[in-house]
Amino acid sequence: MYLIKLFLFIVPVVIASRIDQDYSSFDFISPEPKSRFAMLDDVKILANGLLQLGHGLKDFVHKTKGQINDIFQKLNIFDQSFWDLSQQTNEIKEEEKELRRTTSKLQVKNEEVKNMSLEINSKLESLLGEKILLQQKVRYLEEQLTNLIKTQPEIQEHPEVTSLKTFVEQQDNSIKDLLHTVEEQYRQLNQQHSQIQEIENQLRRTGGQESTENSLPSKSRAPRTTPSLHLNETKNVEHDGSSWTLIQHRIDGSQNFNETWENYKYGFGNLDGEFWLGLEKIYSIAKQSDYILRIELEDWENTKHYVEYSFYLGNYETNYMLHLTEITGNVPSALPEHKDLMFSTWDHKAKGHFNCPESFSGGWWWHDVCGENNLNGKYNKPRAKTKLERRGISWKSQNGKLHSIKSTKMLIHPADSESAE
């Protein structure tokens, strides 16, 4: 711009000098050679100014071209970013549509579950009414039978009375079985209903987190459809001539033990393979009398260990608090003794137990140190020349060494074998 202004200033000066020279020619006649040299100088000055102007314009054009190239590069980057955001927006919209479809399906299933629950409740009420009527009839027949025996003790029981008693007993047993089945179905329906509500809440949270920013969704555990054990299912094994109830078994890692509080409460898995009997079922067995807890371990070197405790197990309100006293075994200080151990899972943490279930997987009676002894952790097979996985099934011995476990058994047995018989 400075060169342009200089050129515009020089041109009028040169033109004015030419005009003055033309007018002065009328006053006096100058020598011809001097006039030609003056014109040549003017042309040189003008050419020099034009040359400088051309260089300035050339520099200006190069500078402008560079700025335009920078602008085009920024525009290309912006176009690419805008295209990426458009793609991500389309993906989010597709996910939102899929979530809405899933939500609608879950709502339909929820309504079906509610209707089934109402139907089961009505059937349960009718069954309870029939049971009450049958019990009344049984009491009436027992009274008549008692009076008959008192009045005619020498007469043998009539065959019709015997068949009637047998029929009534069969009916009563059938009703009890039906009640157990209905209660189990009702519990499973409630569990499915709670899982559906958890999925709906998760979908609402996922939908609420959508924004113009491209933020990744946080990890969350979706409820699994783990097969649950029936209410009256148990498995007994023989040990030293006595029958022990098996409450936990790990052999091959076929069952995922990183389960919810609800599944740990009622049990899951397969009695012929890996399973957890259920805290509520263990509590209902152990509260009948004094019981012994036996833990059997086998490491990957096929070395077997065991330990036995006398124990007390609390109910649901105490987070199934476990209190242990060691009796015998070859695994000293396996679990903390004379302390209240609270059971926790990733979705139900006992107060003051930090994030042990989140960090080390599986539900367990956690102590103040996570990861020392956890028989419900992830099943890890050993790898050559690698460090032991602390987050799997492990057991810390008295010398501080951490052992990876191949198989585990947890069994309970009445302390007084005669009372068990």
Protein backbone atom coordinates (compact mmCIF):
# COMPACT_ATOMS: atom_id res chain seq x y z
CA MET A 1 0.00 0.00 0.00
CA TYR A 2 2.89 2.36 0.71
CA LEU A 3 4.36 1.78 -2.79
CA ILE A 4 0.99 2.49 -4.42
CA LYS A 5 0.74 5.79 -2.56
CA LEU A 6 4.32 6.66 -3.60
CA PHE A 7 3.52 5.88 -7.22
CA LEU A 8 0.39 8.01 -7.16
CA PHE A 9 2.48 10.86 -5.72
CA ILE A 10 5.29 10.54 -8.31
CA VAL A 11 3.08 10.40 -11.42
CA PRO A 12 1.43 13.83 -10.93
CA VAL A 13 4.84 15.39 -10.22
CA VAL A 14 6.28 13.98 -13.44
CA ILE A 15 3.25 15.11 -15.46
CA ALA A 16 3.40 18.59 -13.91
CA SER A 17 7.09 18.89 -14.76
CA ARG A 18 6.33 17.93 -18.34
CA ILE A 19 3.63 20.58 -18.59
CA ASP A 20 5.94 23.20 -17.12
CA GLN A 21 8.58 22.29 -19.66
CA ASP A 22 6.08 22.59 -22.50
CA TYR A 23 4.99 26.06 -21.37
CA SER A 24 8.56 27.20 -20.88
CA SER A 25 9.33 26.33 -24.51
CA PHE A 26 7.23 29.25 -25.57
CA ASP A 27 9.36 31.68 -23.49
CA PHE A 28 12.74 30.51 -24.55
CA ILE A 29 14.14 27.92 -26.79
CA SER A 30 16.18 25.31 -24.91
CA PRO A 31 18.82 23.23 -26.51
CA GLU A 32 17.38 20.02 -27.99
CA PRO A 33 19.78 17.54 -26.32
CA LYS A 34 18.85 18.77 -22.81
CA SER A 35 15.12 18.18 -23.40
CA ARG A 36 15.68 14.61 -24.54
CA PHE A 37 17.80 13.78 -21.49
CA ALA A 38 15.15 15.25 -19.18
CA MET A 39 12.48 13.11 -20.77
CA LEU A 40 14.70 10.04 -20.44
CA ASP A 41 15.20 10.73 -16.75
CA ASP A 42 11.48 11.07 -16.24
CA VAL A 43 10.91 7.76 -17.99
CA LYS A 44 13.56 6.11 -15.81
CA ILE A 45 11.97 7.50 -12.66
CA LEU A 46 8.57 6.32 -13.82
CA ALA A 47 9.92 2.90 -14.78
CA ASN A 48 11.69 2.58 -11.43
CA GLY A 49 8.46 3.49 -9.62
CA LEU A 50 6.49 0.99 -11.70
CA LEU A 51 9.13 -1.68 -11.02
CA GLN A 52 8.95 -1.06 -7.28
CA LEU A 53 5.17 -1.09 -7.51
CA GLY A 54 5.30 -4.42 -9.36
CA HIS A 55 7.58 -5.94 -6.72
CA GLY A 56 5.27 -4.67 -3.99
CA LEU A 57 2.22 -6.04 -5.78
CA LYS A 58 4.01 -9.37 -6.28
CA ASP A 59 4.86 -9.62 -2.57
CA PHE A 60 1.32 -8.60 -1.70
CA VAL A 61 -0.10 -11.27 -4.04
CA HIS A 62 2.16 -13.98 -2.54
CA LYS A 63 1.23 -12.94 0.98
CA THR A 64 -2.47 -12.87 0.09
CA LYS A 65 -2.20 -16.26 -1.61
CA GLY A 66 -0.60 -17.75 1.52
CA GLN A 67 -3.36 -16.32 3.69
CA ILE A 68 -5.99 -17.71 1.31
CA ASN A 69 -4.32 -21.15 1.46
CA ASP A 70 -4.36 -21.02 5.26
CA ILE A 71 -8.04 -20.10 5.17
CA PHE A 72 -8.76 -23.00 2.79
CA GLN A 73 -6.88 -25.43 5.07
CA LYS A 74 -8.86 -24.24 8.08
CA LEU A 75 -12.07 -24.56 6.07
CA ASN A 76 -11.13 -28.13 5.11
CA ILE A 77 -10.43 -28.97 8.76
CA PHE A 78 -13.74 -27.41 9.75
CA ASP A 79 -15.56 -29.36 7.02
CA GLN A 80 -13.95 -32.61 8.20
CA SER A 81 -14.84 -31.88 11.84
CA PHE A 82 -18.38 -30.98 10.84
CA TRP A 83 -18.68 -34.20 8.84
CA ASP A 84 -17.38 -36.26 11.79
CA LEU A 85 -19.85 -34.55 14.12
CA SER A 86 -22.64 -35.27 11.64
CA GLN A 87 -21.68 -38.94 11.56
CA GLN A 88 -21.53 -39.12 15.35
CA THR A 89 -24.87 -37.31 15.60
CA ASN A 90 -26.43 -39.84 13.22
CA GLU A 91 -24.99 -42.71 15.30
CA ILE A 92 -26.37 -41.17 18.49
CA LYS A 93 -29.78 -40.77 16.83
CA GLU A 94 -29.73 -44.42 15.75
CA GLU A 95 -28.79 -45.50 19.28
CA GLU A 96 -31.56 -43.32 20.67
CA LYS A 97 -34.08 -44.94 18.33
CA GLU A 98 -32.86 -48.39 19.36
CA LEU A 99 -33.10 -47.44 23.05
CA ARG A 100 -36.63 -46.18 22.51
CA ARG A 101 -37.62 -49.40 20.79
CA THR A 102 -36.05 -51.39 23.63
CA THR A 103 -37.85 -49.22 26.18
CA SER A 104 -41.20 -49.77 24.47
CA LYS A 105 -40.58 -53.54 24.40
CA LEU A 106 -39.62 -53.51 28.08
CA GLN A 107 -42.74 -51.54 28.93
CA VAL A 108 -44.87 -54.14 27.15
CA LYS A 109 -43.06 -56.93 29.01
CA ASN A 110 -43.49 -55.01 32.25
CA GLU A 111 -47.24 -54.87 31.68
CA GLU A 112 -47.27 -58.60 30.95
CA VAL A 113 -45.33 -59.28 34.16
CA LYS A 114 -47.76 -57.12 36.13
CA ASN A 115 -50.74 -58.99 34.68
CA MET A 116 -49.08 -62.34 35.42
CA SER A 117 -48.32 -61.17 38.95
CA LEU A 118 -51.96 -60.19 39.50
CA GLU A 119 -53.12 -63.51 38.11
CA ILE A 120 -50.72 -65.43 40.33
CA ASN A 121 -51.84 -63.41 43.36
CA SER A 122 -55.44 -64.29 42.65
CA LYS A 123 -54.54 -67.97 42.22
CA LEU A 124 -52.50 -67.84 45.40
CA GLU A 125 -55.42 -66.37 47.32
CA SER A 126 -57.75 -69.04 45.97
CA LEU A 127 -55.24 -71.76 46.88
CA LEU A 128 -54.89 -70.34 50.37
CA GLY A 129 -58.68 -70.36 50.71
CA GLU A 130 -58.84 -73.97 49.55
CA LYS A 131 -56.05 -74.86 51.96
CA ILE A 132 -57.94 -73.29 54.87
CA LEU A 133 -61.09 -75.21 53.93
CA LEU A 134 -59.16 -78.46 53.67
CA GLN A 135 -57.47 -77.83 56.99
CA GLN A 136 -60.85 -77.26 58.58
CA LYS A 137 -62.13 -80.49 57.07
CA VAL A 138 -59.03 -82.34 58.26
CA ARG A 139 -59.48 -80.99 61.80
CA TYR A 140 -63.14 -82.01 61.72
CA LEU A 141 -62.26 -85.51 60.52
CA GLU A 142 -59.50 -85.81 63.14
CA GLU A 143 -61.97 -84.85 65.86
CA GLN A 144 -64.43 -87.44 64.58
CA LEU A 145 -61.69 -90.03 64.34
CA THR A 146 -60.53 -89.25 67.87
CA ASN A 147 -64.05 -89.58 69.23
CA LEU A 148 -64.50 -92.82 67.32
CA ILE A 149 -61.27 -94.23 68.74
CA LYS A 150 -62.28 -93.19 72.27
CA THR A 151 -65.73 -94.70 72.00
CA GLN A 152 -64.71 -97.85 70.13
CA PRO A 153 -61.06 -98.57 70.91
CA GLU A 154 -61.34 -102.26 70.10
CA ILE A 155 -62.73 -101.68 66.60
CA GLN A 156 -60.15 -101.42 63.86
CA GLU A 157 -59.96 -98.30 61.76
CA HIS A 158 -62.45 -98.35 58.92
CA PRO A 159 -60.90 -98.66 55.43
CA GLU A 160 -62.84 -95.63 54.21
CA VAL A 161 -61.43 -93.53 57.05
CA THR A 162 -57.91 -94.67 56.21
CA SER A 163 -58.36 -93.89 52.52
CA LEU A 164 -59.88 -90.54 53.41
CA LYS A 165 -56.93 -89.68 55.64
CA THR A 166 -54.53 -90.70 52.88
CA PHE A 167 -56.43 -88.61 50.37
CA VAL A 168 -56.43 -85.59 52.65
CA GLU A 169 -52.70 -85.93 53.31
CA GLN A 170 -52.03 -86.19 49.58
CA GLN A 171 -54.14 -83.12 48.94
CA ASP A 172 -52.36 -81.22 51.68
CA ASN A 173 -48.94 -82.16 50.25
CA SER A 174 -50.09 -81.18 46.77
CA ILE A 175 -51.26 -77.82 48.05
CA LYS A 176 -47.95 -77.27 49.84
CA ASP A 177 -46.05 -78.08 46.63
CA LEU A 178 -48.29 -75.72 44.68
CA LEU A 179 -47.72 -72.98 47.24
CA HIS A 180 -43.96 -73.46 47.02
CA THR A 181 -44.13 -73.35 43.22
CA VAL A 182 -46.30 -70.24 43.24
CA GLU A 183 -44.03 -68.53 45.76
CA GLU A 184 -40.99 -69.34 43.62
CA GLN A 185 -42.71 -68.04 40.47
CA TYR A 186 -43.80 -64.94 42.33
CA ARG A 187 -40.25 -64.34 43.54
CA GLN A 188 -38.86 -64.79 40.03
CA LEU A 189 -41.46 -62.39 38.65
CA ASN A 190 -40.51 -59.81 41.27
CA GLN A 191 -36.86 -60.31 40.38
CA GLN A 192 -37.60 -59.86 36.67
CA HIS A 193 -39.69 -56.81 37.46
CA SER A 194 -36.83 -55.23 39.43
CA GLN A 195 -34.41 -56.02 36.59
CA ILE A 196 -36.77 -54.39 34.07
CA GLN A 197 -37.03 -51.31 36.28
CA GLU A 198 -33.23 -51.19 36.53
CA ILE A 199 -32.94 -51.35 32.72
CA GLU A 200 -35.54 -48.58 32.37
CA ASN A 201 -33.67 -46.40 34.84
CA GLN A 202 -30.44 -47.04 32.97
CA LEU A 203 -32.11 -46.11 29.66
CA ARG A 204 -33.44 -42.90 31.21
CA ARG A 205 -29.98 -42.03 32.50
CA THR A 206 -28.48 -42.78 29.08
CA GLY A 207 -31.07 -40.59 27.35
CA GLY A 208 -30.50 -37.77 29.87
CA GLN A 209 -26.77 -37.79 29.26
CA GLU A 210 -27.15 -37.04 25.50
CA SER A 211 -25.97 -33.50 24.66
CA THR A 212 -24.36 -31.56 21.85
CA GLU A 213 -20.98 -32.67 23.14
CA ASN A 214 -19.71 -36.02 21.97
CA SER A 215 -19.25 -37.62 25.38
CA LEU A 216 -18.82 -41.35 25.81
CA PRO A 217 -21.42 -43.16 27.97
CA SER A 218 -20.20 -44.44 31.32
CA LYS A 219 -19.85 -48.17 31.85
CA SER A 220 -22.65 -49.88 33.70
CA ARG A 221 -23.59 -53.43 34.30
CA ALA A 222 -26.73 -54.64 32.65
CA PRO A 223 -28.68 -57.29 34.59
CA ARG A 224 -27.90 -60.80 33.43
CA THR A 225 -30.45 -63.54 33.05
CA THR A 226 -28.55 -65.96 35.29
CA PRO A 227 -30.49 -69.16 36.02
CA SER A 228 -31.59 -69.06 39.66
CA LEU A 229 -31.91 -72.05 41.95
CA HIS A 230 -35.32 -73.23 43.08
CA LEU A 231 -36.39 -72.50 46.62
CA ASN A 232 -36.09 -76.09 47.88
CA GLU A 233 -33.03 -77.10 45.85
CA THR A 234 -29.97 -78.25 47.83
CA LYS A 235 -27.06 -80.64 47.29
CA ASN A 236 -25.59 -82.91 49.94
CA VAL A 237 -22.21 -84.65 49.76
CA GLU A 238 -20.66 -87.33 51.96
CA HIS A 239 -17.62 -86.53 54.11
CA ASP A 240 -16.25 -88.79 56.88
CA GLY A 241 -19.49 -90.76 56.90
CA SER A 242 -21.67 -87.64 57.39
CA SER A 243 -23.88 -85.71 55.02
CA TRP A 244 -22.80 -82.10 54.41
CA THR A 245 -24.79 -79.42 52.58
CA LEU A 246 -22.77 -77.89 49.73
CA ILE A 247 -23.32 -74.10 49.61
CA GLN A 248 -20.66 -73.11 47.04
CA HIS A 249 -18.70 -74.95 44.34
CA ARG A 250 -16.13 -73.67 41.80
CA ILE A 251 -14.43 -76.08 39.40
CA ASP A 252 -14.00 -74.69 35.86
CA GLY A 253 -15.18 -71.07 35.59
CA SER A 254 -18.34 -71.97 33.64
CA GLN A 255 -20.48 -69.76 35.92
CA ASN A 256 -19.99 -66.00 36.26
CA PHE A 257 -19.90 -65.14 39.97
CA ASN A 258 -19.90 -61.34 39.52
CA GLU A 259 -23.64 -61.34 40.24
CA THR A 260 -26.16 -58.98 41.79
CA TRP A 261 -27.22 -58.85 45.43
CA GLU A 262 -30.58 -60.38 44.48
CA ASN A 263 -28.93 -63.41 42.86
CA TYR A 264 -26.54 -63.90 45.78
CA LYS A 265 -29.52 -63.69 48.11
CA TYR A 266 -31.55 -66.45 46.42
CA GLY A 267 -28.80 -68.46 44.68
CA PHE A 268 -27.70 -69.09 41.11
CA GLY A 269 -25.91 -71.62 38.91
CA ASN A 270 -26.27 -75.37 38.41
CA LEU A 271 -26.12 -77.87 41.26
CA ASP A 272 -24.31 -80.34 38.98
CA GLY A 273 -21.61 -77.76 38.18
CA GLU A 274 -20.72 -74.37 39.64
CA PHE A 275 -23.27 -72.65 41.88
CA TRP A 276 -24.00 -70.48 44.91
CA LEU A 277 -26.77 -71.87 47.13
CA GLY A 278 -28.10 -68.46 48.25
CA LEU A 279 -27.65 -66.42 51.43
CA GLU A 280 -31.30 -66.68 52.42
CA LYS A 281 -31.26 -70.45 52.07
CA ILE A 282 -27.97 -70.76 54.01
CA TYR A 283 -29.42 -68.57 56.77
CA SER A 284 -32.63 -70.64 56.97
CA ILE A 285 -30.54 -73.82 57.38
CA ALA A 286 -27.95 -72.45 59.81
CA LYS A 287 -30.47 -70.81 62.16
CA GLN A 288 -31.94 -74.23 63.08
CA SER A 289 -28.95 -75.17 65.27
CA ASP A 290 -25.19 -74.73 65.67
CA TYR A 291 -23.44 -75.43 62.37
CA ILE A 292 -19.87 -75.96 61.15
CA LEU A 293 -18.51 -74.28 58.02
CA ARG A 294 -15.90 -76.31 56.09
CA ILE A 295 -13.85 -74.78 53.25
CA GLU A 296 -11.93 -77.07 50.87
CA LEU A 297 -9.36 -75.60 48.46
CA GLU A 298 -7.22 -77.08 45.68
CA ASP A 299 -4.53 -75.01 43.95
CA TRP A 300 -3.10 -75.47 40.46
CA GLU A 301 -0.35 -77.73 41.84
CA ASN A 302 -3.12 -80.13 42.99
CA THR A 303 -2.33 -79.38 46.65
CA LYS A 304 -5.45 -79.61 48.82
CA HIS A 305 -6.20 -77.55 51.92
CA TYR A 306 -9.13 -77.32 54.29
CA VAL A 307 -10.32 -75.37 57.30
CA GLU A 308 -13.37 -75.70 59.57
CA TYR A 309 -15.10 -73.01 61.59
CA SER A 310 -17.96 -72.77 63.98
CA PHE A 311 -19.96 -69.83 62.69
CA TYR A 312 -22.90 -67.55 63.17
CA LEU A 313 -24.76 -66.07 60.17
CA GLY A 314 -27.02 -63.04 60.51
CA ASN A 315 -30.12 -62.28 58.47
CA TYR A 316 -30.82 -59.84 55.64
CA GLU A 317 -31.00 -56.82 57.95
CA THR A 318 -27.39 -57.43 59.09
CA ASN A 319 -26.11 -57.91 55.50
CA TYR A 320 -25.79 -61.63 56.42
CA MET A 321 -23.06 -60.84 58.93
CA LEU A 322 -20.62 -63.76 59.41
CA HIS A 323 -18.82 -64.42 62.70
CA LEU A 324 -16.18 -67.20 62.68
CA THR A 325 -14.21 -69.26 65.21
CA GLU A 326 -11.66 -71.69 63.79
CA ILE A 327 -11.85 -75.32 64.91
CA THR A 328 -9.29 -77.16 62.80
CA GLY A 329 -7.56 -77.14 59.41
CA ASN A 330 -4.25 -76.73 57.60
CA VAL A 331 -4.90 -73.15 56.42
CA PRO A 332 -4.14 -71.00 59.48
CA SER A 333 -5.74 -67.56 59.68
CA ALA A 334 -7.68 -68.20 56.50
CA LEU A 335 -10.50 -65.82 57.40
CA PRO A 336 -10.58 -63.20 60.16
CA GLU A 337 -11.88 -64.67 63.41
CA HIS A 338 -14.05 -63.01 66.05
CA LYS A 339 -14.95 -60.19 63.66
CA ASP A 340 -18.23 -59.20 62.04
CA LEU A 341 -17.79 -59.76 58.30
CA MET A 342 -20.46 -58.14 56.10
CA PHE A 343 -21.49 -59.58 52.74
CA SER A 344 -21.31 -57.11 49.83
CA THR A 345 -21.79 -57.15 46.06
CA TRP A 346 -21.13 -54.55 43.36
CA ASP A 347 -24.72 -53.28 43.60
CA HIS A 348 -25.10 -53.62 47.40
CA LYS A 349 -22.12 -52.40 49.42
CA ALA A 350 -22.10 -52.82 53.18
CA LYS A 351 -21.23 -49.65 55.07
CA GLY A 352 -17.48 -49.05 55.46
CA HIS A 353 -16.39 -51.66 52.89
CA PHE A 354 -15.20 -49.22 50.21
CA ASN A 355 -15.24 -50.65 46.67
CA CYS A 356 -13.98 -54.20 47.21
CA PRO A 357 -16.72 -55.83 45.08
CA GLU A 358 -16.17 -53.30 42.29
CA SER A 359 -12.40 -53.75 42.29
CA PHE A 360 -12.09 -57.50 42.89
CA SER A 361 -15.33 -58.94 41.42
CA GLY A 362 -17.90 -61.22 43.05
CA GLY A 363 -19.88 -61.07 46.27
CA TRP A 364 -18.05 -61.98 49.49
CA TRP A 365 -17.70 -61.40 53.22
CA TRP A 366 -15.14 -58.60 52.89
CA HIS A 367 -12.67 -57.60 55.59
CA ASP A 368 -10.77 -54.31 55.95
CA VAL A 369 -8.28 -55.41 53.23
CA CYS A 370 -9.62 -56.20 49.75
CA GLY A 371 -8.40 -59.11 47.67
CA GLU A 372 -6.74 -61.29 50.33
CA ASN A 373 -9.29 -64.10 50.45
CA ASN A 374 -12.10 -64.19 47.88
CA LEU A 375 -13.61 -67.50 46.76
CA ASN A 376 -16.29 -65.85 44.60
CA GLY A 377 -13.91 -63.85 42.42
CA LYS A 378 -13.14 -64.22 38.73
CA TYR A 379 -11.99 -67.71 37.71
CA ASN A 380 -8.49 -67.30 36.24
CA LYS A 381 -6.46 -70.11 34.74
CA PRO A 382 -2.68 -69.81 35.32
CA ARG A 383 -0.48 -68.36 32.60
CA ALA A 384 3.18 -69.17 32.14
CA LYS A 385 5.68 -66.54 33.36
CA THR A 386 3.02 -63.99 34.24
CA LYS A 387 2.16 -62.33 37.50
CA LEU A 388 -0.68 -63.82 39.53
CA GLU A 389 -4.01 -62.11 38.93
CA ARG A 390 -5.05 -60.66 42.29
CA ARG A 391 -8.60 -60.05 41.15
CA GLY A 392 -9.44 -63.75 40.70
CA ILE A 393 -10.07 -66.62 43.11
CA SER A 394 -7.20 -66.33 45.54
CA TRP A 395 -6.17 -67.23 49.08
CA LYS A 396 -3.46 -65.53 51.10
CA SER A 397 -1.48 -67.87 53.30
CA GLN A 398 0.05 -67.04 56.68
CA ASN A 399 3.44 -66.23 55.14
CA GLY A 400 1.83 -63.60 52.92
CA LYS A 401 2.00 -65.58 49.67
CA LEU A 402 -1.04 -65.29 47.41
CA HIS A 403 -2.26 -68.63 46.00
CA SER A 404 -4.41 -68.96 42.89
CA ILE A 405 -7.18 -71.51 43.45
CA LYS A 406 -8.28 -74.20 40.99
CA SER A 407 -11.40 -75.46 42.79
CA THR A 408 -13.32 -74.57 45.94
CA LYS A 409 -16.03 -76.11 48.09
CA MET A 410 -17.93 -74.55 50.97
CA LEU A 411 -19.98 -76.97 53.08
CA ILE A 412 -22.05 -76.74 56.26
CA HIS A 413 -22.97 -79.46 58.75
CA PRO A 414 -24.67 -79.46 62.17
CA ALA A 415 -22.17 -79.28 65.02
CA ASP A 416 -24.08 -82.06 66.79
CA SER A 417 -24.41 -84.95 64.31
CA GLU A 418 -27.10 -86.59 66.40
CA SER A 419 -29.35 -83.55 66.14
CA ALA A 420 -28.83 -83.61 62.36
CA GLU A 421 -30.02 -87.22 62.22
